[in-house]
Amino acid sequence: MNTSPPTSRTTGSGQRRLGPWLRCWAARPGARFRLVCLPHAGGGAGSYRPWATLLPPDVELIAVQYPGREDRWSDPLVDRMDELVSAVAGSLLRVLDRPYALFGHSMGSAVAWELAHELRDRGVSGPRRLFASGREAPGIARTGEVHRQDDAALCAELERLGGTHPEVLADPELRTAVLGYVRNDYRLIETYRPVARRPLDCPIEVFTGDADPELRLARSADHAGGWTALTTARTAVHVFPGDHFYLNPGRERVVRTVLRRLSPSFARDTRGWPSTP
């Protein structure tokens, strides 16, 4: 696995080249803040690409690209949390030269939590905030054995959660390819066993859809899916309309909430910022 520091340069399209693990579609060298986003199981960095135009010039989006999908189709899959987090942390070292936050959806929330600890262990200043979306806290999140089941059961799980286009599952060749990395990600999160660690010291913002079958929360930190115990700082809960993938149709509202929680000065308008400074 390639864990060497990423190279960084800006293309004419405004994209930053950051090596295999990171994607940045709107380079903002003068940004005061970086938002690092981690996808769900079976997801890719591209799921966050529409966020880039919703962020103000002071915030630069960095999305993590897991191997085996999108533009990393031929790269070897990783099915161990420690290996994944180590590689992502190594790639992020060069871009964490200013304040940052971590946003992870579903499996990505567990990756974000592990990543915050890994970066702290490497001597990096912690995130200003950790946004945990669509999953209970590591240690209490329910796990299953979907990765051991046949393709029909895996497809049924994807249909239950939503977020996968029916055309993908209807095409036999495409379905086989997609289920390969989806099964890998389910293996990673279902075999993941977090170890006890000293709590973080950053606020944790818990996001969920009001009809999410994976994380049904009240609007209170007392019912924050176990995340409250993982930090010495404040925990807040934000419930949005929608199911497990509420953050797709509700993108503007979600991004606006993220920005407001980072700083009121960031949350002026999310109807579309220029893609470059």
C-alpha atoms as a PDB file:
ATOM      1  CA  MET A   1       0.000   0.000   0.000  1.00  0.00           C
ATOM      2  CA  ASN A   2       1.302   3.434  -0.915  1.00  0.00           C
ATOM      3  CA  THR A   3       1.408   5.608   2.211  1.00  0.00           C
ATOM      4  CA  SER A   4       4.055   8.086   1.052  1.00  0.00           C
ATOM      5  CA  PRO A   5       3.284  11.813   1.462  1.00  0.00           C
ATOM      6  CA  PRO A   6       1.097  13.142  -1.351  1.00  0.00           C
ATOM      7  CA  THR A   7       2.354  15.479  -3.991  1.00  0.00           C
ATOM      8  CA  SER A   8       0.415  18.723  -4.265  1.00  0.00           C
ATOM      9  CA  ARG A   9      -0.072  20.962  -7.268  1.00  0.00           C
ATOM     10  CA  THR A  10      -2.924  22.926  -8.790  1.00  0.00           C
ATOM     11  CA  THR A  11      -4.236  22.238 -12.285  1.00  0.00           C
ATOM     12  CA  GLY A  12      -5.749  24.740 -14.663  1.00  0.00           C
ATOM     13  CA  SER A  13      -9.214  23.547 -13.664  1.00  0.00           C
ATOM     14  CA  GLY A  14      -8.642  24.577 -10.055  1.00  0.00           C
ATOM     15  CA  GLN A  15      -8.200  21.019  -8.819  1.00  0.00           C
ATOM     16  CA  ARG A  16      -5.376  20.144  -6.450  1.00  0.00           C
ATOM     17  CA  ARG A  17      -3.387  16.975  -7.066  1.00  0.00           C
ATOM     18  CA  LEU A  18      -2.888  15.398  -3.646  1.00  0.00           C
ATOM     19  CA  GLY A  19      -1.930  11.814  -4.420  1.00  0.00           C
ATOM     20  CA  PRO A  20      -4.155   8.731  -4.528  1.00  0.00           C
ATOM     21  CA  TRP A  21      -5.993   9.165  -1.228  1.00  0.00           C
ATOM     22  CA  LEU A  22      -7.276  12.742  -1.404  1.00  0.00           C
ATOM     23  CA  ARG A  23      -9.418  14.780  -3.769  1.00  0.00           C
ATOM     24  CA  CYS A  24      -9.843  18.555  -3.938  1.00  0.00           C
ATOM     25  CA  TRP A  25     -11.988  19.915  -6.785  1.00  0.00           C
ATOM     26  CA  ALA A  26     -11.842  23.597  -5.871  1.00  0.00           C
ATOM     27  CA  ALA A  27      -8.363  24.641  -4.769  1.00  0.00           C
ATOM     28  CA  ARG A  28      -8.414  27.536  -2.323  1.00  0.00           C
ATOM     29  CA  PRO A  29      -4.821  28.229  -1.248  1.00  0.00           C
ATOM     30  CA  GLY A  30      -5.931  31.194   0.835  1.00  0.00           C
ATOM     31  CA  ALA A  31      -8.620  29.274   2.725  1.00  0.00           C
ATOM     32  CA  ARG A  32      -8.565  29.709   6.496  1.00  0.00           C
ATOM     33  CA  PHE A  33     -10.137  26.298   7.114  1.00  0.00           C
ATOM     34  CA  ARG A  34     -10.206  22.812   5.618  1.00  0.00           C
ATOM     35  CA  LEU A  35     -13.122  20.392   5.748  1.00  0.00           C
ATOM     36  CA  VAL A  36     -12.010  16.759   5.381  1.00  0.00           C
ATOM     37  CA  CYS A  37     -14.841  14.402   4.354  1.00  0.00           C
ATOM     38  CA  LEU A  38     -14.921  10.602   4.587  1.00  0.00           C
ATOM     39  CA  PRO A  39     -17.415   8.515   2.561  1.00  0.00           C
ATOM     40  CA  HIS A  40     -19.789   5.755   3.623  1.00  0.00           C
ATOM     41  CA  ALA A  41     -19.282   2.046   2.952  1.00  0.00           C
ATOM     42  CA  GLY A  42     -19.330   1.577  -0.805  1.00  0.00           C
ATOM     43  CA  GLY A  43     -18.985   5.319  -1.331  1.00  0.00           C
ATOM     44  CA  GLY A  44     -16.319   7.381  -2.999  1.00  0.00           C
ATOM     45  CA  ALA A  45     -14.926  10.884  -2.738  1.00  0.00           C
ATOM     46  CA  GLY A  46     -17.230  11.941  -5.560  1.00  0.00           C
ATOM     47  CA  SER A  47     -20.214  11.843  -3.202  1.00  0.00           C
ATOM     48  CA  TYR A  48     -18.866  15.061  -1.671  1.00  0.00           C
ATOM     49  CA  ARG A  49     -17.952  16.815  -4.899  1.00  0.00           C
ATOM     50  CA  PRO A  50     -21.189  18.883  -5.026  1.00  0.00           C
ATOM     51  CA  TRP A  51     -20.270  20.324  -1.620  1.00  0.00           C
ATOM     52  CA  ALA A  52     -17.320  22.225  -3.099  1.00  0.00           C
ATOM     53  CA  THR A  53     -19.474  24.911  -4.740  1.00  0.00           C
ATOM     54  CA  LEU A  54     -21.522  25.333  -1.558  1.00  0.00           C
ATOM     55  CA  LEU A  55     -18.526  26.314   0.540  1.00  0.00           C
ATOM     56  CA  PRO A  56     -17.307  29.903   0.937  1.00  0.00           C
ATOM     57  CA  PRO A  57     -13.821  30.905  -0.254  1.00  0.00           C
ATOM     58  CA  ASP A  58     -12.492  30.604   3.301  1.00  0.00           C
ATOM     59  CA  VAL A  59     -13.220  26.842   3.419  1.00  0.00           C
ATOM     60  CA  GLU A  60     -11.486  24.249   1.246  1.00  0.00           C
ATOM     61  CA  LEU A  61     -12.970  20.785   0.790  1.00  0.00           C
ATOM     62  CA  ILE A  62     -10.723  17.710   0.906  1.00  0.00           C
ATOM     63  CA  ALA A  63     -12.453  14.363   0.289  1.00  0.00           C
ATOM     64  CA  VAL A  64     -10.886  10.988   1.000  1.00  0.00           C
ATOM     65  CA  GLN A  65     -10.881   8.478  -1.845  1.00  0.00           C
ATOM     66  CA  TYR A  66     -10.943   4.856  -0.730  1.00  0.00           C
ATOM     67  CA  PRO A  67      -9.248   2.436  -3.164  1.00  0.00           C
ATOM     68  CA  GLY A  68     -11.078   0.182  -5.618  1.00  0.00           C
ATOM     69  CA  ARG A  69     -13.705   2.658  -6.854  1.00  0.00           C
ATOM     70  CA  GLU A  70     -14.189   5.728  -9.059  1.00  0.00           C
ATOM     71  CA  ASP A  71     -10.738   6.804 -10.294  1.00  0.00           C
ATOM     72  CA  ARG A  72      -8.987   4.206  -8.064  1.00  0.00           C
ATOM     73  CA  TRP A  73     -10.758   1.257  -9.680  1.00  0.00           C
ATOM     74  CA  SER A  74      -7.604  -0.850 -10.093  1.00  0.00           C
ATOM     75  CA  ASP A  75      -6.054  -0.105  -6.681  1.00  0.00           C
ATOM     76  CA  PRO A  76      -6.025  -2.936  -4.102  1.00  0.00           C
ATOM     77  CA  LEU A  77      -8.884  -2.825  -1.615  1.00  0.00           C
ATOM     78  CA  VAL A  78      -8.242  -2.307   2.097  1.00  0.00           C
ATOM     79  CA  ASP A  79     -10.442  -4.217   4.546  1.00  0.00           C
ATOM     80  CA  ARG A  80      -8.788  -3.334   7.868  1.00  0.00           C
ATOM     81  CA  MET A  81      -9.584  -0.136   9.736  1.00  0.00           C
ATOM     82  CA  ASP A  82      -6.044   0.334  11.057  1.00  0.00           C
ATOM     83  CA  GLU A  83      -4.509   0.066   7.575  1.00  0.00           C
ATOM     84  CA  LEU A  84      -7.067   2.441   6.080  1.00  0.00           C
ATOM     85  CA  VAL A  85      -6.652   5.052   8.809  1.00  0.00           C
ATOM     86  CA  SER A  86      -2.852   4.880   8.721  1.00  0.00           C
ATOM     87  CA  ALA A  87      -2.821   5.514   4.963  1.00  0.00           C
ATOM     88  CA  VAL A  88      -5.310   8.374   5.154  1.00  0.00           C
ATOM     89  CA  ALA A  89      -3.476  10.012   8.071  1.00  0.00           C
ATOM     90  CA  GLY A  90      -0.170   9.853   6.219  1.00  0.00           C
ATOM     91  CA  SER A  91      -1.724  11.497   3.189  1.00  0.00           C
ATOM     92  CA  LEU A  92      -3.361  14.259   5.212  1.00  0.00           C
ATOM     93  CA  LEU A  93      -0.207  15.438   6.979  1.00  0.00           C
ATOM     94  CA  ARG A  94       0.673  17.960   4.275  1.00  0.00           C
ATOM     95  CA  VAL A  95      -2.743  19.594   4.142  1.00  0.00           C
ATOM     96  CA  LEU A  96      -3.383  20.012   7.867  1.00  0.00           C
ATOM     97  CA  ASP A  97      -1.343  23.201   8.073  1.00  0.00           C
ATOM     98  CA  ARG A  98      -4.392  25.193   9.166  1.00  0.00           C
ATOM     99  CA  PRO A  99      -7.533  24.535  11.252  1.00  0.00           C
ATOM    100  CA  TYR A 100      -9.663  21.658  10.000  1.00  0.00           C
ATOM    101  CA  ALA A 101     -12.745  19.584  10.756  1.00  0.00           C
ATOM    102  CA  LEU A 102     -13.609  15.959   9.964  1.00  0.00           C
ATOM    103  CA  PHE A 103     -16.973  14.903   8.501  1.00  0.00           C
ATOM    104  CA  GLY A 104     -17.751  11.215   8.119  1.00  0.00           C
ATOM    105  CA  HIS A 105     -20.973   9.578   6.987  1.00  0.00           C
ATOM    106  CA  SER A 106     -21.964   6.082   8.171  1.00  0.00           C
ATOM    107  CA  MET A 107     -18.771   3.980   8.042  1.00  0.00           C
ATOM    108  CA  GLY A 108     -16.967   7.260   7.432  1.00  0.00           C
ATOM    109  CA  SER A 109     -17.928   8.489  10.913  1.00  0.00           C
ATOM    110  CA  ALA A 110     -15.999   5.601  12.490  1.00  0.00           C
ATOM    111  CA  VAL A 111     -13.081   6.281  10.145  1.00  0.00           C
ATOM    112  CA  ALA A 112     -13.172   9.963  11.143  1.00  0.00           C
ATOM    113  CA  TRP A 113     -13.089   9.089  14.858  1.00  0.00           C
ATOM    114  CA  GLU A 114     -10.165   6.711  14.387  1.00  0.00           C
ATOM    115  CA  LEU A 115      -8.443   9.289  12.193  1.00  0.00           C
ATOM    116  CA  ALA A 116      -8.729  11.986  14.871  1.00  0.00           C
ATOM    117  CA  HIS A 117      -6.942   9.679  17.318  1.00  0.00           C
ATOM    118  CA  GLU A 118      -4.311   8.641  14.777  1.00  0.00           C
ATOM    119  CA  LEU A 119      -3.489  12.248  13.943  1.00  0.00           C
ATOM    120  CA  ARG A 120      -3.256  13.115  17.632  1.00  0.00           C
ATOM    121  CA  ASP A 121      -0.875  10.175  18.114  1.00  0.00           C
ATOM    122  CA  ARG A 122       1.264  11.612  15.302  1.00  0.00           C
ATOM    123  CA  GLY A 123       1.484  14.979  17.034  1.00  0.00           C
ATOM    124  CA  VAL A 124      -0.989  16.798  14.781  1.00  0.00           C
ATOM    125  CA  SER A 125      -3.371  19.315  16.327  1.00  0.00           C
ATOM    126  CA  GLY A 126      -6.835  17.843  16.603  1.00  0.00           C
ATOM    127  CA  PRO A 127      -9.852  18.813  14.512  1.00  0.00           C
ATOM    128  CA  ARG A 128     -11.894  21.842  15.538  1.00  0.00           C
ATOM    129  CA  ARG A 129     -14.978  19.635  15.209  1.00  0.00           C
ATOM    130  CA  LEU A 130     -15.876  16.065  14.338  1.00  0.00           C
ATOM    131  CA  PHE A 131     -19.121  15.582  12.413  1.00  0.00           C
ATOM    132  CA  ALA A 132     -20.471  12.042  12.865  1.00  0.00           C
ATOM    133  CA  SER A 133     -23.286  11.235  10.463  1.00  0.00           C
ATOM    134  CA  GLY A 134     -25.613   8.262  10.172  1.00  0.00           C
ATOM    135  CA  ARG A 135     -23.987   5.845  12.624  1.00  0.00           C
ATOM    136  CA  GLU A 136     -23.819   5.164  16.324  1.00  0.00           C
ATOM    137  CA  ALA A 137     -20.545   5.683  18.140  1.00  0.00           C
ATOM    138  CA  PRO A 138     -17.685   3.173  17.827  1.00  0.00           C
ATOM    139  CA  GLY A 139     -18.067   0.548  20.518  1.00  0.00           C
ATOM    140  CA  ILE A 140     -21.864   0.558  20.582  1.00  0.00           C
ATOM    141  CA  ALA A 141     -22.746   0.625  16.879  1.00  0.00           C
ATOM    142  CA  ARG A 142     -24.532  -2.517  15.849  1.00  0.00           C
ATOM    143  CA  THR A 143     -22.523  -4.844  13.622  1.00  0.00           C
ATOM    144  CA  GLY A 144     -23.686  -7.677  11.429  1.00  0.00           C
ATOM    145  CA  GLU A 145     -22.368 -10.201   8.944  1.00  0.00           C
ATOM    146  CA  VAL A 146     -23.644  -8.767   5.698  1.00  0.00           C
ATOM    147  CA  HIS A 147     -20.188  -9.199   4.163  1.00  0.00           C
ATOM    148  CA  ARG A 148     -20.511 -12.994   4.618  1.00  0.00           C
ATOM    149  CA  GLN A 149     -23.836 -13.223   2.832  1.00  0.00           C
ATOM    150  CA  ASP A 150     -24.564 -13.764  -0.847  1.00  0.00           C
ATOM    151  CA  ASP A 151     -25.016 -11.032  -3.440  1.00  0.00           C
ATOM    152  CA  ALA A 152     -28.802 -11.061  -3.123  1.00  0.00           C
ATOM    153  CA  ALA A 153     -28.578 -10.264   0.592  1.00  0.00           C
ATOM    154  CA  LEU A 154     -26.028  -7.548  -0.050  1.00  0.00           C
ATOM    155  CA  CYS A 155     -28.272  -5.976  -2.689  1.00  0.00           C
ATOM    156  CA  ALA A 156     -31.186  -6.135  -0.247  1.00  0.00           C
ATOM    157  CA  GLU A 157     -29.112  -4.247   2.321  1.00  0.00           C
ATOM    158  CA  LEU A 158     -28.258  -1.532  -0.210  1.00  0.00           C
ATOM    159  CA  GLU A 159     -31.929  -1.229  -1.154  1.00  0.00           C
ATOM    160  CA  ARG A 160     -32.899  -0.985   2.530  1.00  0.00           C
ATOM    161  CA  LEU A 161     -30.569   1.939   3.113  1.00  0.00           C
ATOM    162  CA  GLY A 162     -31.202   3.675  -0.206  1.00  0.00           C
ATOM    163  CA  GLY A 163     -28.561   5.764  -1.944  1.00  0.00           C
ATOM    164  CA  THR A 164     -27.784   3.194  -4.680  1.00  0.00           C
ATOM    165  CA  HIS A 165     -29.303   3.780  -8.093  1.00  0.00           C
ATOM    166  CA  PRO A 166     -31.554   0.850  -9.127  1.00  0.00           C
ATOM    167  CA  GLU A 167     -29.845   0.828 -12.540  1.00  0.00           C
ATOM    168  CA  VAL A 168     -26.567  -0.148 -10.870  1.00  0.00           C
ATOM    169  CA  LEU A 169     -28.042  -3.236  -9.241  1.00  0.00           C
ATOM    170  CA  ALA A 170     -30.024  -4.131 -12.374  1.00  0.00           C
ATOM    171  CA  ASP A 171     -26.924  -4.361 -14.603  1.00  0.00           C
ATOM    172  CA  PRO A 172     -25.235  -7.755 -13.906  1.00  0.00           C
ATOM    173  CA  GLU A 173     -21.717  -6.662 -14.893  1.00  0.00           C
ATOM    174  CA  LEU A 174     -21.869  -3.358 -13.047  1.00  0.00           C
ATOM    175  CA  ARG A 175     -23.511  -4.970 -10.024  1.00  0.00           C
ATOM    176  CA  THR A 176     -20.703  -7.521  -9.741  1.00  0.00           C
ATOM    177  CA  ALA A 177     -18.050  -4.816  -9.874  1.00  0.00           C
ATOM    178  CA  VAL A 178     -19.769  -2.556  -7.343  1.00  0.00           C
ATOM    179  CA  LEU A 179     -20.606  -5.350  -4.925  1.00  0.00           C
ATOM    180  CA  GLY A 180     -16.912  -6.241  -4.799  1.00  0.00           C
ATOM    181  CA  TYR A 181     -15.878  -3.030  -3.045  1.00  0.00           C
ATOM    182  CA  VAL A 182     -19.168  -2.717  -1.150  1.00  0.00           C
ATOM    183  CA  ARG A 183     -18.596  -6.172   0.378  1.00  0.00           C
ATOM    184  CA  ASN A 184     -15.022  -5.176   1.199  1.00  0.00           C
ATOM    185  CA  ASP A 185     -16.214  -2.063   3.062  1.00  0.00           C
ATOM    186  CA  TYR A 186     -18.827  -4.050   4.968  1.00  0.00           C
ATOM    187  CA  ARG A 187     -16.105  -6.496   5.961  1.00  0.00           C
ATOM    188  CA  LEU A 188     -14.007  -3.606   7.214  1.00  0.00           C
ATOM    189  CA  ILE A 189     -16.732  -2.030   9.353  1.00  0.00           C
ATOM    190  CA  GLU A 190     -18.291  -5.294  10.538  1.00  0.00           C
ATOM    191  CA  THR A 191     -14.981  -6.745  11.736  1.00  0.00           C
ATOM    192  CA  TYR A 192     -13.815  -3.432  13.224  1.00  0.00           C
ATOM    193  CA  ARG A 193     -13.403  -3.533  17.003  1.00  0.00           C
ATOM    194  CA  PRO A 194     -12.398  -0.153  18.494  1.00  0.00           C
ATOM    195  CA  VAL A 195     -10.060  -0.076  21.456  1.00  0.00           C
ATOM    196  CA  ALA A 196     -10.581   2.131  24.507  1.00  0.00           C
ATOM    197  CA  ARG A 197      -8.950   5.535  24.101  1.00  0.00           C
ATOM    198  CA  ARG A 198      -8.693   8.829  25.923  1.00  0.00           C
ATOM    199  CA  PRO A 199     -11.649  10.997  24.846  1.00  0.00           C
ATOM    200  CA  LEU A 200     -11.176  13.647  22.198  1.00  0.00           C
ATOM    201  CA  ASP A 201     -11.294  17.291  23.220  1.00  0.00           C
ATOM    202  CA  CYS A 202     -13.194  18.659  20.224  1.00  0.00           C
ATOM    203  CA  PRO A 203     -16.981  19.105  19.975  1.00  0.00           C
ATOM    204  CA  ILE A 204     -18.821  16.284  18.212  1.00  0.00           C
ATOM    205  CA  GLU A 205     -21.776  17.122  15.979  1.00  0.00           C
ATOM    206  CA  VAL A 206     -24.080  14.145  15.389  1.00  0.00           C
ATOM    207  CA  PHE A 207     -26.106  14.268  12.151  1.00  0.00           C
ATOM    208  CA  THR A 208     -28.909  11.916  11.125  1.00  0.00           C
ATOM    209  CA  GLY A 209     -32.055  11.681   9.023  1.00  0.00           C
ATOM    210  CA  ASP A 210     -35.365  11.485  10.857  1.00  0.00           C
ATOM    211  CA  ALA A 211     -36.159   8.224   9.037  1.00  0.00           C
ATOM    212  CA  ASP A 212     -32.640   6.759   9.129  1.00  0.00           C
ATOM    213  CA  PRO A 213     -32.926   3.066  10.111  1.00  0.00           C
ATOM    214  CA  GLU A 214     -29.321   3.084  11.339  1.00  0.00           C
ATOM    215  CA  LEU A 215     -29.473   6.032  13.754  1.00  0.00           C
ATOM    216  CA  ARG A 216     -32.730   7.348  15.175  1.00  0.00           C
ATOM    217  CA  LEU A 217     -32.037  10.197  17.564  1.00  0.00           C
ATOM    218  CA  ALA A 218     -33.891  12.718  19.649  1.00  0.00           C
ATOM    219  CA  ARG A 219     -32.785  16.329  19.381  1.00  0.00           C
ATOM    220  CA  SER A 220     -30.721  16.045  22.550  1.00  0.00           C
ATOM    221  CA  ALA A 221     -27.123  15.227  23.388  1.00  0.00           C
ATOM    222  CA  ASP A 222     -28.532  12.769  25.952  1.00  0.00           C
ATOM    223  CA  HIS A 223     -29.562  10.622  22.995  1.00  0.00           C
ATOM    224  CA  ALA A 224     -26.561  11.095  20.729  1.00  0.00           C
ATOM    225  CA  GLY A 225     -25.950   7.489  19.796  1.00  0.00           C
ATOM    226  CA  GLY A 226     -23.120   7.095  22.321  1.00  0.00           C
ATOM    227  CA  TRP A 227     -20.989   9.897  20.874  1.00  0.00           C
ATOM    228  CA  THR A 228     -21.224  12.060  24.003  1.00  0.00           C
ATOM    229  CA  ALA A 229     -18.873   9.751  25.930  1.00  0.00           C
ATOM    230  CA  LEU A 230     -16.151  10.075  23.293  1.00  0.00           C
ATOM    231  CA  THR A 231     -15.238  13.709  23.921  1.00  0.00           C
ATOM    232  CA  THR A 232     -14.679  16.030  26.848  1.00  0.00           C
ATOM    233  CA  ALA A 233     -16.247  18.853  24.828  1.00  0.00           C
ATOM    234  CA  ARG A 234     -19.857  19.495  23.894  1.00  0.00           C
ATOM    235  CA  THR A 235     -21.950  17.111  21.789  1.00  0.00           C
ATOM    236  CA  ALA A 236     -24.882  18.344  19.723  1.00  0.00           C
ATOM    237  CA  VAL A 237     -27.492  16.487  17.668  1.00  0.00           C
ATOM    238  CA  HIS A 238     -28.879  17.661  14.319  1.00  0.00           C
ATOM    239  CA  VAL A 239     -31.828  15.809  12.772  1.00  0.00           C
ATOM    240  CA  PHE A 240     -32.673  16.373   9.092  1.00  0.00           C
ATOM    241  CA  PRO A 241     -35.593  15.174   6.979  1.00  0.00           C
ATOM    242  CA  GLY A 242     -34.797  11.936   5.182  1.00  0.00           C
ATOM    243  CA  ASP A 243     -33.456   8.414   5.418  1.00  0.00           C
ATOM    244  CA  HIS A 244     -29.898   7.110   5.740  1.00  0.00           C
ATOM    245  CA  PHE A 245     -28.832   9.223   2.784  1.00  0.00           C
ATOM    246  CA  TYR A 246     -30.646  12.362   3.919  1.00  0.00           C
ATOM    247  CA  LEU A 247     -27.517  14.381   3.065  1.00  0.00           C
ATOM    248  CA  ASN A 248     -28.081  13.991  -0.689  1.00  0.00           C
ATOM    249  CA  PRO A 249     -31.485  15.667  -1.161  1.00  0.00           C
ATOM    250  CA  GLY A 250     -30.821  17.918   1.831  1.00  0.00           C
ATOM    251  CA  ARG A 251     -27.306  18.879   0.746  1.00  0.00           C
ATOM    252  CA  GLU A 252     -27.641  22.656   1.049  1.00  0.00           C
ATOM    253  CA  ARG A 253     -29.188  22.471   4.510  1.00  0.00           C
ATOM    254  CA  VAL A 254     -26.548  19.996   5.685  1.00  0.00           C
ATOM    255  CA  VAL A 255     -23.651  22.095   4.394  1.00  0.00           C
ATOM    256  CA  ARG A 256     -25.180  25.250   5.850  1.00  0.00           C
ATOM    257  CA  THR A 257     -25.391  23.536   9.254  1.00  0.00           C
ATOM    258  CA  VAL A 258     -21.780  22.363   9.011  1.00  0.00           C
ATOM    259  CA  LEU A 259     -20.632  25.882   8.218  1.00  0.00           C
ATOM    260  CA  ARG A 260     -22.675  27.427  11.007  1.00  0.00           C
ATOM    261  CA  ARG A 261     -21.192  25.004  13.525  1.00  0.00           C
ATOM    262  CA  LEU A 262     -17.682  25.781  12.317  1.00  0.00           C
ATOM    263  CA  SER A 263     -18.120  29.552  12.410  1.00  0.00           C
ATOM    264  CA  PRO A 264     -21.080  31.898  11.881  1.00  0.00           C
ATOM    265  CA  SER A 265     -18.904  33.849   9.447  1.00  0.00           C
ATOM    266  CA  PHE A 266     -18.807  30.826   7.110  1.00  0.00           C
ATOM    267  CA  ALA A 267     -22.562  30.356   6.922  1.00  0.00           C
ATOM    268  CA  ARG A 268     -23.606  33.436   4.982  1.00  0.00           C
ATOM    269  CA  ASP A 269     -24.954  31.734   1.855  1.00  0.00           C
ATOM    270  CA  THR A 270     -24.683  28.236   0.359  1.00  0.00           C
ATOM    271  CA  ARG A 271     -26.471  28.815  -2.937  1.00  0.00           C
ATOM    272  CA  GLY A 272     -23.243  28.537  -4.865  1.00  0.00           C
ATOM    273  CA  TRP A 273     -19.797  30.033  -4.441  1.00  0.00           C
ATOM    274  CA  PRO A 274     -17.231  30.364  -7.213  1.00  0.00           C
ATOM    275  CA  SER A 275     -15.233  27.131  -7.516  1.00  0.00           C
ATOM    276  CA  THR A 276     -11.944  29.021  -7.239  1.00  0.00           C
ATOM    277  CA  PRO A 277     -10.854  31.933  -5.008  1.00  0.00           C
END
